[in-house]
N, C-alpha and C. Protein backbone atom coordinates (compact mmCIF):
# COMPACT_ATOMS: atom_id res chain seq x y z
N MET A 1 1.61 -0.86 -0.02
CA MET A 1 0.08 0.25 0.49
C MET A 1 1.13 1.63 -0.04
N ASN A 2 0.13 2.22 -0.63
CA ASN A 2 1.38 3.66 -0.67
C ASN A 2 0.85 4.63 -0.04
N PHE A 3 2.09 5.56 0.20
CA PHE A 3 1.37 6.47 0.68
C PHE A 3 0.37 7.12 1.02
N VAL A 4 -0.06 7.86 -0.75
CA VAL A 4 -1.72 8.16 -0.46
C VAL A 4 -2.87 7.34 -0.13
N MET A 5 -2.58 6.51 -0.68
CA MET A 5 -3.40 5.21 -0.03
C MET A 5 -4.22 4.16 1.38
N TRP A 6 -2.38 4.15 1.86
CA TRP A 6 -2.56 4.89 3.60
C TRP A 6 -3.15 5.58 4.19
N LEU A 7 -2.68 6.78 4.03
CA LEU A 7 -3.46 8.14 4.83
C LEU A 7 -5.00 7.81 3.84
N HIS A 8 -5.27 7.67 2.41
CA HIS A 8 -6.80 8.30 2.47
C HIS A 8 -7.81 7.91 3.48
N HIS A 9 -7.28 5.51 3.87
CA HIS A 9 -8.25 4.59 4.52
C HIS A 9 -7.76 5.90 6.19
N LEU A 10 -6.20 6.02 6.57
CA LEU A 10 -6.48 7.03 7.87
C LEU A 10 -8.12 8.06 7.60
N ASP A 11 -8.03 8.38 6.64
CA ASP A 11 -8.97 9.84 6.82
C ASP A 11 -10.18 9.28 7.20
N GLN A 12 -10.40 7.68 6.48
CA GLN A 12 -12.22 7.46 6.63
C GLN A 12 -12.37 6.77 7.50
N HIS A 13 -11.13 6.69 8.15
CA HIS A 13 -10.90 5.69 9.63
C HIS A 13 -11.68 7.37 10.85
N LEU A 14 -10.47 8.16 10.70
CA LEU A 14 -11.14 8.93 11.42
C LEU A 14 -12.49 9.99 10.83
N THR A 15 -12.58 10.18 10.17
CA THR A 15 -13.80 10.37 9.34
C THR A 15 -14.97 10.07 10.36
N LEU A 16 -14.71 8.74 10.13
CA LEU A 16 -15.96 7.63 10.70
C LEU A 16 -16.10 8.13 11.94
N ALA A 17 -14.95 7.93 12.08
CA ALA A 17 -14.87 7.40 14.26
C ALA A 17 -15.50 9.05 14.60
N LEU A 18 -14.76 10.16 13.98
CA LEU A 18 -15.75 11.54 14.31
C LEU A 18 -17.14 11.97 13.94
N ASN A 19 -17.61 10.78 12.85
CA ASN A 19 -19.27 11.38 12.52
C ASN A 19 -19.90 10.32 12.96
N SER A 20 -19.79 8.90 13.83
CA SER A 20 -19.83 8.41 14.95
C SER A 20 -20.61 9.43 16.50
N LEU A 21 -20.38 10.10 16.41
CA LEU A 21 -20.47 11.23 17.65
C LEU A 21 -21.60 11.71 17.46
N HIS A 22 -22.94 11.23 17.66
CA HIS A 22 -23.60 12.12 17.47
C HIS A 22 -25.12 11.63 17.95
N CYS A 23 -25.55 13.03 18.10
CA CYS A 23 -27.37 12.74 18.97
C CYS A 23 -28.23 13.03 18.00
N PRO A 24 -29.53 13.49 17.74
CA PRO A 24 -30.25 14.61 18.29
C PRO A 24 -30.29 16.06 18.14
N PHE A 25 -30.03 16.23 19.50
CA PHE A 25 -29.43 17.80 20.32
C PHE A 25 -28.06 18.41 18.54
N THR A 26 -27.40 17.14 18.28
CA THR A 26 -25.87 17.66 18.21
C THR A 26 -25.91 17.36 17.01
N ASP A 27 -26.99 16.84 16.25
CA ASP A 27 -27.19 16.58 15.14
C ASP A 27 -28.14 17.85 14.47
N ALA A 28 -29.29 18.47 15.00
CA ALA A 28 -29.70 19.88 14.97
C ALA A 28 -28.63 20.93 13.82
N VAL A 29 -27.25 21.13 15.85
CA VAL A 29 -26.60 22.19 16.14
C VAL A 29 -25.96 21.57 14.10
N TRP A 30 -25.62 20.43 14.45
CA TRP A 30 -23.65 21.08 12.80
C TRP A 30 -24.96 20.46 12.28
N VAL A 31 -26.36 21.10 12.03
CA VAL A 31 -27.48 20.87 10.65
C VAL A 31 -27.33 23.00 10.80
N LEU A 32 -27.28 23.73 11.27
CA LEU A 32 -27.07 23.84 11.41
C LEU A 32 -26.25 25.10 11.23
N PHE A 33 -25.15 24.95 11.58
CA PHE A 33 -23.38 25.07 11.23
C PHE A 33 -23.33 25.29 9.92
N SER A 34 -24.04 23.29 9.19
CA SER A 34 -22.96 24.08 7.59
C SER A 34 -24.19 24.35 7.37
N ASP A 35 -25.68 25.47 7.68
CA ASP A 35 -25.92 25.92 6.42
C ASP A 35 -25.26 27.83 5.61
N LYS A 36 -25.01 28.44 5.18
CA LYS A 36 -24.86 29.18 5.14
C LYS A 36 -25.89 30.47 5.73
N LYS A 37 -26.79 30.36 5.37
CA LYS A 37 -28.24 31.40 5.55
C LYS A 37 -27.88 31.96 7.40
N VAL A 38 -26.89 30.97 7.93
CA VAL A 38 -26.24 31.13 9.46
C VAL A 38 -25.75 32.21 10.08
N TRP A 39 -24.64 31.94 8.62
CA TRP A 39 -23.52 32.45 8.31
C TRP A 39 -24.23 34.15 8.56
N TYR A 40 -25.07 34.64 7.39
CA TYR A 40 -24.81 36.44 7.25
C TYR A 40 -24.77 36.68 8.60
N VAL A 41 -26.58 36.14 9.46
CA VAL A 41 -26.04 36.88 10.64
C VAL A 41 -24.47 37.26 11.46
N MET A 42 -23.66 36.97 11.54
CA MET A 42 -22.58 37.08 11.84
C MET A 42 -22.00 37.67 10.99
N TYR A 43 -22.07 37.71 10.52
CA TYR A 43 -21.18 38.43 9.06
C TYR A 43 -21.71 40.51 9.21
N ALA A 44 -23.06 40.00 9.43
CA ALA A 44 -23.56 41.27 8.96
C ALA A 44 -23.07 42.09 10.52
N ALA A 45 -23.07 41.91 11.77
CA ALA A 45 -22.73 42.29 12.11
C ALA A 45 -21.81 42.54 12.62
N LEU A 46 -20.33 41.91 11.93
CA LEU A 46 -19.30 41.97 12.10
C LEU A 46 -18.89 43.66 10.97
N ALA A 47 -19.59 43.39 9.55
CA ALA A 47 -19.61 45.09 9.30
C ALA A 47 -20.02 45.75 9.33
N VAL A 48 -21.10 45.81 10.33
CA VAL A 48 -21.63 47.23 11.81
C VAL A 48 -20.38 47.59 11.92
N LEU A 49 -19.92 46.75 12.68
CA LEU A 49 -18.39 46.61 13.67
C LEU A 49 -17.03 47.49 13.35
N LEU A 50 -17.24 46.73 11.70
CA LEU A 50 -16.24 47.70 11.11
C LEU A 50 -17.02 49.08 10.76
N PHE A 51 -17.85 48.98 10.78
CA PHE A 51 -18.47 50.28 10.09
C PHE A 51 -18.50 51.25 10.85
N VAL A 52 -18.45 50.76 11.84
CA VAL A 52 -18.30 51.93 13.37
C VAL A 52 -16.75 52.11 14.05
N ARG A 53 -15.80 51.21 13.30
CA ARG A 53 -14.67 51.13 14.32
C ARG A 53 -13.32 51.53 13.31
N ALA A 54 -14.13 51.73 12.06
CA ALA A 54 -12.73 52.40 11.39
C ALA A 54 -13.44 52.98 9.63
N GLY A 55 -14.30 53.88 10.00
CA GLY A 55 -14.64 54.89 9.29
C GLY A 55 -15.50 53.84 7.50
N TRP A 56 -16.56 54.08 6.74
CA TRP A 56 -17.25 54.17 5.79
C TRP A 56 -15.83 53.19 4.83
N LYS A 57 -14.85 54.16 3.89
CA LYS A 57 -13.82 54.26 3.20
C LYS A 57 -12.82 51.97 4.17
N LYS A 58 -12.19 52.66 5.34
CA LYS A 58 -11.63 51.58 5.10
C LYS A 58 -13.03 50.26 4.88
N ALA A 59 -13.57 50.70 6.19
CA ALA A 59 -14.76 49.22 5.94
C ALA A 59 -15.07 48.60 4.71
N LEU A 60 -14.72 49.29 3.85
CA LEU A 60 -15.68 49.38 2.33
C LEU A 60 -14.57 48.38 1.73
N LEU A 61 -13.42 48.69 2.24
CA LEU A 61 -11.44 47.86 1.27
C LEU A 61 -12.03 47.01 2.13
N VAL A 62 -12.07 46.73 3.68
CA VAL A 62 -12.11 45.26 4.06
C VAL A 62 -13.43 44.11 4.11
N LEU A 63 -14.46 44.44 3.21
CA LEU A 63 -14.95 44.63 2.98
C LEU A 63 -15.10 43.55 1.35
N LEU A 64 -14.43 44.52 0.60
CA LEU A 64 -14.36 44.31 -0.63
C LEU A 64 -13.29 43.13 -0.79
N SER A 65 -12.26 43.23 0.10
CA SER A 65 -11.14 42.25 0.77
C SER A 65 -11.76 41.10 0.99
N VAL A 66 -12.85 41.15 2.14
CA VAL A 66 -13.04 39.64 2.58
C VAL A 66 -14.17 38.48 0.54
N ALA A 67 -14.90 39.98 0.23
CA ALA A 67 -15.71 39.43 -0.36
C ALA A 67 -14.18 38.46 -2.05
N LEU A 68 -13.21 39.20 -1.90
CA LEU A 68 -12.49 38.67 -2.87
C LEU A 68 -12.27 37.68 -2.37
N THR A 69 -12.07 36.84 -1.37
CA THR A 69 -11.86 35.56 0.00
C THR A 69 -12.30 34.84 -0.62
N VAL A 70 -13.74 34.94 -0.02
CA VAL A 70 -14.55 34.09 -0.35
C VAL A 70 -13.87 33.95 -1.59
N LEU A 71 -14.06 34.91 -3.30
CA LEU A 71 -14.69 34.07 -4.22
C LEU A 71 -13.02 33.22 -4.69
N ALA A 72 -11.95 33.39 -4.45
CA ALA A 72 -10.97 33.22 -4.45
C ALA A 72 -11.13 30.83 -3.27
N CYS A 73 -11.41 31.62 -2.71
CA CYS A 73 -11.40 30.20 -1.77
C CYS A 73 -12.80 29.21 -2.53
N ASP A 74 -13.67 29.98 -3.48
CA ASP A 74 -15.16 29.24 -3.13
C ASP A 74 -13.79 28.27 -5.44
N GLN A 75 -13.88 29.61 -5.78
CA GLN A 75 -13.66 29.61 -7.60
C GLN A 75 -11.76 28.08 -6.79
N PHE A 76 -10.83 28.99 -6.33
CA PHE A 76 -10.26 27.97 -6.03
C PHE A 76 -10.31 25.54 -5.67
N ALA A 77 -12.24 26.30 -4.83
CA ALA A 77 -11.85 25.21 -3.88
C ALA A 77 -13.20 24.38 -5.56
N ASN A 78 -13.75 24.60 -6.37
CA ASN A 78 -14.21 23.87 -7.75
C ASN A 78 -13.07 23.93 -8.69
N LEU A 79 -12.22 24.10 -8.27
CA LEU A 79 -11.31 24.26 -9.10
C LEU A 79 -10.79 22.64 -8.91
N ILE A 80 -9.85 22.04 -7.68
CA ILE A 80 -9.17 21.49 -7.06
C ILE A 80 -10.00 19.70 -7.47
N LYS A 81 -12.22 20.19 -7.22
CA LYS A 81 -12.25 19.08 -7.10
C LYS A 81 -13.26 18.71 -8.09
N ASP A 82 -12.34 18.99 -9.28
CA ASP A 82 -13.28 18.69 -10.10
C ASP A 82 -11.60 18.25 -11.41
N SER A 83 -10.91 18.48 -10.41
CA SER A 83 -9.43 17.89 -11.01
C SER A 83 -9.23 16.86 -9.60
N VAL A 84 -9.06 17.31 -9.07
CA VAL A 84 -9.27 15.74 -8.19
C VAL A 84 -9.19 14.88 -7.83
N ALA A 85 -10.96 15.35 -7.68
CA ALA A 85 -12.62 14.00 -7.95
C ALA A 85 -12.23 13.17 -7.36
N ARG A 86 -11.98 13.10 -5.72
CA ARG A 86 -12.47 12.78 -4.35
C ARG A 86 -13.97 12.49 -4.06
N LEU A 87 -13.89 11.57 -4.75
CA LEU A 87 -15.76 11.28 -4.13
C LEU A 87 -16.05 11.86 -2.16
N ARG A 88 -17.47 12.35 -2.01
CA ARG A 88 -17.48 12.62 -0.77
C ARG A 88 -18.11 11.34 -0.01
N PRO A 89 -17.95 11.56 1.20
CA PRO A 89 -18.03 10.06 2.84
C PRO A 89 -19.49 9.75 1.81
N VAL A 90 -20.65 10.37 1.62
CA VAL A 90 -21.84 10.17 0.73
C VAL A 90 -21.88 9.42 -0.21
N TRP A 91 -20.99 8.52 -0.98
CA TRP A 91 -20.78 9.05 -2.23
C TRP A 91 -19.81 7.52 -2.16
N ASP A 92 -19.04 7.24 -1.01
CA ASP A 92 -17.69 6.84 -0.92
C ASP A 92 -18.49 5.04 -0.97
N ASN A 93 -18.10 3.87 -0.65
CA ASN A 93 -19.67 2.77 -0.93
C ASN A 93 -19.39 2.25 0.57
N TRP A 94 -17.45 2.48 0.46
CA TRP A 94 -16.81 1.52 2.64
C TRP A 94 -17.58 3.04 3.26
N MET A 95 -17.83 4.05 3.32
CA MET A 95 -18.01 4.73 3.72
C MET A 95 -19.26 4.27 4.42
N VAL A 96 -20.34 4.42 3.62
CA VAL A 96 -21.63 4.21 3.17
C VAL A 96 -21.79 2.91 3.79
N ALA A 97 -21.10 1.38 3.61
CA ALA A 97 -21.19 0.15 4.58
C ALA A 97 -20.24 0.75 5.76
N GLY A 98 -19.87 1.83 6.31
CA GLY A 98 -19.18 1.75 7.77
C GLY A 98 -20.22 2.16 9.03
N GLY A 99 -20.57 3.52 8.22
CA GLY A 99 -22.16 3.59 9.87
C GLY A 99 -21.75 5.06 8.61
N LEU A 100 -21.42 5.05 8.23
CA LEU A 100 -22.09 7.19 8.28
C LEU A 100 -22.56 7.36 7.74
N HIS A 101 -23.02 9.16 8.67
CA HIS A 101 -24.39 8.75 9.66
C HIS A 101 -24.79 10.24 9.52
N ARG A 102 -25.82 10.21 7.85
CA ARG A 102 -25.53 11.68 6.69
C ARG A 102 -27.22 12.65 7.32
N LEU A 103 -26.42 14.35 7.40
CA LEU A 103 -27.64 14.52 7.83
C LEU A 103 -28.68 15.20 6.86
N GLU A 104 -27.69 15.19 6.16
CA GLU A 104 -27.93 16.65 4.46
C GLU A 104 -28.12 15.15 3.84
N GLY A 105 -28.95 15.89 1.75
CA GLY A 105 -28.97 14.95 0.83
C GLY A 105 -26.80 14.95 0.87
N ARG A 106 -27.05 14.48 -0.55
CA ARG A 106 -25.62 13.52 -0.79
C ARG A 106 -24.84 14.37 -2.08
N GLY A 107 -25.60 15.72 -2.23
CA GLY A 107 -24.57 16.94 -3.68
C GLY A 107 -24.24 16.28 -4.55
N ASN A 108 -22.97 17.36 -4.53
CA ASN A 108 -21.95 16.87 -6.07
C ASN A 108 -20.80 15.11 -5.53
N PHE A 109 -20.42 15.07 -7.02
CA PHE A 109 -20.39 14.09 -6.07
C PHE A 109 -18.49 13.95 -5.22
N TYR A 110 -18.00 15.08 -5.51
CA TYR A 110 -16.40 15.22 -5.17
C TYR A 110 -16.36 16.46 -4.71
N GLY A 111 -15.23 16.54 -2.87
CA GLY A 111 -15.28 16.59 -1.37
C GLY A 111 -13.71 17.21 -1.58
N PHE A 112 -12.82 17.53 -2.26
CA PHE A 112 -12.05 17.41 -1.96
C PHE A 112 -10.96 19.13 -2.65
N PHE A 113 -11.33 19.83 -2.13
CA PHE A 113 -11.40 19.97 -0.26
C PHE A 113 -12.40 20.70 0.00
N SER A 114 -13.43 20.95 1.01
CA SER A 114 -13.93 21.09 1.58
C SER A 114 -14.50 23.00 1.61
N ALA A 115 -15.32 23.30 0.90
CA ALA A 115 -15.44 25.37 0.84
C ALA A 115 -16.28 25.84 1.50
N HIS A 116 -16.68 25.07 2.02
CA HIS A 116 -17.01 26.19 3.86
C HIS A 116 -16.30 26.39 3.88
N ALA A 117 -15.06 25.03 4.52
CA ALA A 117 -13.74 25.54 5.56
C ALA A 117 -13.25 26.32 5.14
N ALA A 118 -12.69 26.55 3.42
CA ALA A 118 -11.91 27.00 3.46
C ALA A 118 -12.71 28.46 2.81
N ASN A 119 -14.10 28.53 2.67
CA ASN A 119 -14.83 30.19 3.20
C ASN A 119 -14.10 30.60 4.28
N SER A 120 -14.80 30.38 5.38
CA SER A 120 -15.26 30.41 6.82
C SER A 120 -13.53 31.07 7.33
N PHE A 121 -12.14 29.90 6.92
CA PHE A 121 -10.93 30.25 7.79
C PHE A 121 -10.24 31.44 6.99
N GLY A 122 -11.00 31.59 6.07
CA GLY A 122 -10.69 32.60 4.59
C GLY A 122 -11.01 33.73 5.91
N VAL A 123 -13.05 34.25 6.06
CA VAL A 123 -13.44 35.26 6.40
C VAL A 123 -12.66 35.63 7.09
N ALA A 124 -12.15 34.61 8.34
CA ALA A 124 -11.47 34.56 9.41
C ALA A 124 -10.43 35.82 8.74
N ALA A 125 -9.51 35.21 8.47
CA ALA A 125 -7.92 35.52 8.85
C ALA A 125 -7.89 36.45 7.95
N CYS A 126 -8.55 37.05 6.63
CA CYS A 126 -8.55 38.11 5.84
C CYS A 126 -9.84 39.13 7.30
N VAL A 127 -10.73 39.11 7.68
CA VAL A 127 -11.36 40.17 8.75
C VAL A 127 -10.40 40.02 9.94
N LEU A 128 -9.47 39.34 10.16
CA LEU A 128 -8.89 39.48 11.35
C LEU A 128 -6.87 40.78 10.88
N GLU A 129 -7.53 40.21 9.56
CA GLU A 129 -5.86 40.91 9.54
C GLU A 129 -6.37 42.25 9.90
N SER A 130 -7.53 43.06 8.28
CA SER A 130 -7.71 43.58 8.19
C SER A 130 -7.90 44.35 9.30
N PHE A 131 -9.10 43.99 10.76
CA PHE A 131 -8.41 44.84 11.54
C PHE A 131 -7.75 45.12 12.46
N ARG A 132 -7.15 44.00 12.46
CA ARG A 132 -5.44 44.53 12.52
C ARG A 132 -4.44 45.34 12.42
N GLU A 133 -4.94 45.83 11.47
CA GLU A 133 -4.14 46.89 10.34
C GLU A 133 -4.87 48.06 10.89
N VAL A 134 -5.90 47.98 10.68
CA VAL A 134 -6.90 49.23 10.86
C VAL A 134 -6.81 49.68 12.24
N ASP A 135 -5.98 48.86 13.22
CA ASP A 135 -6.80 49.35 14.09
C ASP A 135 -5.99 48.66 15.44
N LYS A 136 -3.87 49.10 15.22
CA LYS A 136 -2.80 48.16 15.87
C LYS A 136 -3.23 48.68 17.38
N ASN A 137 -3.62 49.24 17.76
CA ASN A 137 -3.64 50.00 19.55
C ASN A 137 -4.53 49.01 20.31
N ARG A 138 -5.49 47.36 19.79
CA ARG A 138 -6.18 47.05 20.41
C ARG A 138 -5.64 45.82 19.76
N ASN A 139 -7.17 44.84 20.95
CA ASN A 139 -5.76 43.27 21.15
C ASN A 139 -7.09 43.20 20.31
N TYR A 140 -6.99 41.91 18.65
CA TYR A 140 -8.34 41.31 18.92
C TYR A 140 -7.54 39.77 19.18
N ARG A 141 -7.94 39.99 20.05
CA ARG A 141 -8.08 38.19 20.63
C ARG A 141 -8.69 37.42 21.01
N GLY A 142 -9.87 38.58 21.14
CA GLY A 142 -10.89 37.76 21.61
C GLY A 142 -12.42 37.22 20.12
N MET A 143 -11.66 38.37 19.54
CA MET A 143 -12.35 38.12 18.12
C MET A 143 -11.31 37.23 16.98
N ALA A 144 -10.19 36.74 17.65
CA ALA A 144 -10.15 35.97 16.73
C ALA A 144 -10.76 34.77 16.99
N CYS A 145 -10.49 34.50 18.38
CA CYS A 145 -11.10 32.96 19.92
C CYS A 145 -12.36 33.24 18.95
N LEU A 146 -13.46 33.64 18.25
CA LEU A 146 -14.16 34.32 17.77
C LEU A 146 -14.59 33.34 16.21
N LEU A 147 -13.87 34.82 15.30
CA LEU A 147 -13.87 34.64 14.25
C LEU A 147 -12.97 32.92 14.12
N PHE A 148 -12.23 32.43 14.78
CA PHE A 148 -11.58 30.35 15.13
C PHE A 148 -12.12 29.61 14.84
N GLY A 149 -13.25 30.08 15.90
CA GLY A 149 -14.12 28.92 16.31
C GLY A 149 -14.93 28.81 16.15
N TRP A 150 -15.63 29.99 15.14
CA TRP A 150 -17.12 30.05 14.49
C TRP A 150 -17.08 29.69 12.87
N ALA A 151 -15.59 29.49 12.69
CA ALA A 151 -14.55 28.74 11.37
C ALA A 151 -14.04 26.96 11.17
N ALA A 152 -14.33 27.71 13.46
CA ALA A 152 -13.64 25.20 13.02
C ALA A 152 -15.27 24.62 13.33
N LEU A 153 -15.64 25.55 13.71
CA LEU A 153 -17.87 25.00 13.76
C LEU A 153 -17.54 24.24 12.70
N VAL A 154 -18.08 25.46 11.39
CA VAL A 154 -18.39 25.83 10.66
C VAL A 154 -18.09 24.47 9.49
N SER A 155 -16.66 24.29 10.03
CA SER A 155 -15.91 23.27 9.10
C SER A 155 -15.52 21.84 9.65
N VAL A 156 -16.45 21.43 10.98
CA VAL A 156 -16.70 20.10 11.16
C VAL A 156 -17.59 20.01 11.27
N SER A 157 -19.03 20.25 11.14
CA SER A 157 -19.90 19.86 10.40
C SER A 157 -19.83 20.14 9.36
N ARG A 158 -18.79 19.98 8.17
CA ARG A 158 -19.53 19.48 7.74
C ARG A 158 -18.33 17.62 8.08
N VAL A 159 -18.14 17.07 8.66
CA VAL A 159 -18.13 16.14 9.17
C VAL A 159 -19.19 15.61 9.48
N PHE A 160 -19.21 16.05 10.59
CA PHE A 160 -20.77 15.38 10.93
C PHE A 160 -22.21 15.67 10.21
N VAL A 161 -21.65 16.03 9.54
CA VAL A 161 -23.42 15.65 8.81
C VAL A 161 -23.32 15.01 7.51
N GLY A 162 -21.71 14.59 7.32
CA GLY A 162 -21.45 13.42 6.25
C GLY A 162 -21.45 13.84 4.78
N LYS A 163 -21.03 15.14 4.38
CA LYS A 163 -20.24 15.87 3.06
C LYS A 163 -18.72 15.76 3.87
N HIS A 164 -18.38 15.96 4.00
CA HIS A 164 -16.57 15.57 3.94
C HIS A 164 -16.10 14.71 4.20
N PHE A 165 -14.44 14.17 4.41
CA PHE A 165 -13.34 13.84 4.29
C PHE A 165 -12.79 14.92 5.99
N LEU A 166 -12.23 14.18 7.43
CA LEU A 166 -11.99 15.46 7.70
C LEU A 166 -9.90 16.10 6.98
N GLY A 167 -9.86 15.32 6.24
CA GLY A 167 -8.62 15.92 5.15
C GLY A 167 -9.26 17.01 4.96
N ASP A 168 -10.35 16.53 3.77
CA ASP A 168 -11.31 17.62 3.34
C ASP A 168 -11.30 19.66 3.61
N VAL A 169 -11.97 19.22 5.08
CA VAL A 169 -11.89 20.03 5.66
C VAL A 169 -10.24 20.80 5.79
N LEU A 170 -9.77 19.52 7.14
CA LEU A 170 -8.19 20.40 7.08
C LEU A 170 -7.88 20.88 5.95
N VAL A 171 -7.39 20.62 4.63
CA VAL A 171 -6.66 21.19 4.13
C VAL A 171 -7.38 22.10 2.94
N GLY A 172 -8.91 22.48 3.06
CA GLY A 172 -9.96 23.81 2.97
C GLY A 172 -9.51 24.56 4.13
N ALA A 173 -9.75 24.45 5.54
CA ALA A 173 -8.27 25.78 6.10
C ALA A 173 -7.82 26.04 6.18
N ALA A 174 -6.65 25.16 5.61
CA ALA A 174 -5.24 25.92 5.37
C ALA A 174 -5.33 26.11 4.37
N VAL A 175 -5.71 26.62 2.92
CA VAL A 175 -5.76 26.64 1.87
C VAL A 175 -6.64 27.89 2.25
N GLY A 176 -8.00 28.50 2.60
CA GLY A 176 -8.18 29.63 3.44
C GLY A 176 -8.12 30.22 4.23
N LEU A 177 -6.72 30.20 5.42
CA LEU A 177 -5.79 31.13 5.62
C LEU A 177 -5.12 31.17 5.25
N LEU A 178 -4.43 30.32 4.21
CA LEU A 178 -3.96 31.36 3.39
C LEU A 178 -4.41 32.55 2.37
N PHE A 179 -4.97 31.99 1.57
CA PHE A 179 -5.59 33.53 1.07
C PHE A 179 -6.67 34.84 1.85
N GLY A 180 -7.01 34.26 2.58
CA GLY A 180 -7.35 35.11 3.66
C GLY A 180 -5.62 36.03 4.10
N TRP A 181 -5.26 35.73 4.78
CA TRP A 181 -4.07 36.32 5.21
C TRP A 181 -3.30 36.89 3.69
N ILE A 182 -3.01 36.74 2.84
CA ILE A 182 -2.32 37.77 1.38
C ILE A 182 -3.51 38.27 1.59
N ILE A 183 -4.81 37.56 1.56
CA ILE A 183 -5.86 39.45 0.65
C ILE A 183 -5.97 39.70 1.45
N GLY A 184 -5.93 40.22 2.91
CA GLY A 184 -5.62 40.40 3.85
C GLY A 184 -4.23 41.92 3.92
N LYS A 185 -3.27 41.28 3.67
CA LYS A 185 -1.85 41.87 3.14
C LYS A 185 -2.18 43.04 2.67
N ILE A 186 -2.71 42.46 0.81
CA ILE A 186 -2.88 42.86 0.21
C ILE A 186 -3.60 44.69 1.00
N SER A 187 -4.72 43.91 0.84
CA SER A 187 -6.01 45.56 1.35
C SER A 187 -5.00 46.03 2.58
N TYR A 188 -4.35 45.77 3.12
CA TYR A 188 -3.45 46.56 4.83
C TYR A 188 -2.27 47.51 3.36
N LEU A 189 -1.73 46.88 2.28
CA LEU A 189 -1.34 47.94 1.29
C LEU A 189 -1.70 48.89 0.92
N CYS A 190 -3.05 48.09 0.26
CA CYS A 190 -4.15 49.10 -0.35
C CYS A 190 -4.53 50.65 0.44
N LYS A 191 -4.49 50.13 1.46
CA LYS A 191 -4.84 50.92 2.53
C LYS A 191 -3.51 52.72 3.06
N LEU A 192 -2.56 51.82 2.43
CA LEU A 192 -0.66 52.50 2.88
C LEU A 192 -0.80 53.16 1.09
N TRP A 193 -0.75 52.87 0.59
CA TRP A 193 -0.95 53.92 -0.53
C TRP A 193 -1.92 54.93 -0.83
N GLU A 194 -3.08 54.61 -0.68
CA GLU A 194 -4.27 55.17 -0.40
C GLU A 194 -4.07 56.86 0.75
N LYS A 195 -2.93 56.34 1.56
CA LYS A 195 -2.86 57.76 2.80
C LYS A 195 -1.62 58.28 1.94
């Protein structure tokens, strides 16, 4: 067995182990965190906070950066999903036979890597980087905990609803962090240029 196959089998076993930890209450929680409509409330609150703290010019630049981050993460995820063609757990016969607990429809065939994870971690990284640059005198540790906690819950929810392998989520989080950080830094450079 080569390394890639070994890694895939490990991912299958870890995903099934995590996915099997469920009860009716947590099932409802994971479905809630997986629903993109729930994200809008938190993101609207962040936008209001940004406009209050940074003013409308800087806030618009940050919001544009966040939109670019989501666009980049989403399009890159789609490109990779179609190129790699790794089945989602709900389409993997071994996973289904192993007792995969599915809470949502099956969706598209391919799931590597998780766009939910990439987008949520990308937004967290971009917003945090942008907020830090807007006001360097503040400590944003609390906001970082909230944003990355939210991103982690959104990401792990994808394993619990049966849509992604754990590896899909981890790679998605890493890609999102990278895109969010890069675009957040570019946003900062644009603010410097504006001065």
